[in-house]
Amino acid sequence: MTVGNGMIFAGTSPGRLYVSKATDTESDPFTYLTSLEGCHSGEVT
């Protein structure tokens, strides 16, 4: 997991990367933005 520019990037072992952005609300501190999935060559698409 890496944090940068108010965003969290979290990777999973199957090769998926989840991206969330920090908000200023206490009830929902992060908003899901997108997920990226790597292909067999290890590239992130």
C-alpha atoms as a PDB file:
ATOM      1  CA  MET A   1       0.000   0.000   0.000  1.00  0.00           C
ATOM      2  CA  THR A   2       1.271   3.448  -0.923  1.00  0.00           C
ATOM      3  CA  VAL A   3      -0.135   6.880  -0.089  1.00  0.00           C
ATOM      4  CA  GLY A   4       0.526   9.908  -2.286  1.00  0.00           C
ATOM      5  CA  ASN A   5      -1.279  13.146  -3.166  1.00  0.00           C
ATOM      6  CA  GLY A   6      -4.194  12.226  -0.912  1.00  0.00           C
ATOM      7  CA  MET A   7      -4.702   8.889  -2.679  1.00  0.00           C
ATOM      8  CA  ILE A   8      -4.182   5.310  -1.532  1.00  0.00           C
ATOM      9  CA  PHE A   9      -2.902   2.667  -3.930  1.00  0.00           C
ATOM     10  CA  ALA A  10      -3.368  -0.879  -2.633  1.00  0.00           C
ATOM     11  CA  GLY A  11      -2.185  -3.934  -4.559  1.00  0.00           C
ATOM     12  CA  THR A  12      -3.376  -7.522  -4.277  1.00  0.00           C
ATOM     13  CA  SER A  13      -1.560 -10.779  -5.016  1.00  0.00           C
ATOM     14  CA  PRO A  14      -3.693 -11.598  -8.112  1.00  0.00           C
ATOM     15  CA  GLY A  15      -2.332  -8.398  -9.714  1.00  0.00           C
ATOM     16  CA  ARG A  16      -5.125  -5.930  -9.060  1.00  0.00           C
ATOM     17  CA  LEU A  17      -4.476  -2.369  -7.871  1.00  0.00           C
ATOM     18  CA  TYR A  18      -7.216  -0.412  -6.055  1.00  0.00           C
ATOM     19  CA  VAL A  19      -7.150   3.393  -5.945  1.00  0.00           C
ATOM     20  CA  SER A  20      -9.052   5.522  -3.406  1.00  0.00           C
ATOM     21  CA  LYS A  21      -8.937   9.263  -2.694  1.00  0.00           C
ATOM     22  CA  ALA A  22      -9.032  10.809   0.772  1.00  0.00           C
ATOM     23  CA  THR A  23     -12.010  13.020   1.620  1.00  0.00           C
ATOM     24  CA  ASP A  24     -12.637  15.455   4.452  1.00  0.00           C
ATOM     25  CA  THR A  25     -15.700  13.623   5.781  1.00  0.00           C
ATOM     26  CA  GLU A  26     -15.362  11.493   8.874  1.00  0.00           C
ATOM     27  CA  SER A  27     -18.191   9.111   7.933  1.00  0.00           C
ATOM     28  CA  ASP A  28     -16.549   8.150   4.609  1.00  0.00           C
ATOM     29  CA  PRO A  29     -12.839   9.041   4.763  1.00  0.00           C
ATOM     30  CA  PHE A  30     -11.981   7.492   1.365  1.00  0.00           C
ATOM     31  CA  THR A  31     -13.785   7.460  -1.971  1.00  0.00           C
ATOM     32  CA  TYR A  32     -13.126   4.524  -4.297  1.00  0.00           C
ATOM     33  CA  LEU A  33     -11.851   5.767  -7.668  1.00  0.00           C
ATOM     34  CA  THR A  34     -10.904   2.770  -9.788  1.00  0.00           C
ATOM     35  CA  SER A  35      -9.105  -0.535  -9.990  1.00  0.00           C
ATOM     36  CA  LEU A  36      -6.377  -1.530 -12.402  1.00  0.00           C
ATOM     37  CA  GLU A  37      -5.584  -5.092 -13.387  1.00  0.00           C
ATOM     38  CA  GLY A  38      -2.246  -6.401 -14.610  1.00  0.00           C
ATOM     39  CA  CYS A  39      -2.071  -8.785 -17.544  1.00  0.00           C
ATOM     40  CA  HIS A  40       0.125 -11.872 -17.847  1.00  0.00           C
ATOM     41  CA  SER A  41       3.184  -9.794 -18.754  1.00  0.00           C
ATOM     42  CA  GLY A  42       3.012  -7.818 -15.489  1.00  0.00           C
ATOM     43  CA  GLU A  43       1.856  -4.595 -17.146  1.00  0.00           C
ATOM     44  CA  VAL A  44      -0.786  -2.482 -15.442  1.00  0.00           C
ATOM     45  CA  THR A  45      -3.601  -1.551 -17.822  1.00  0.00           C
END
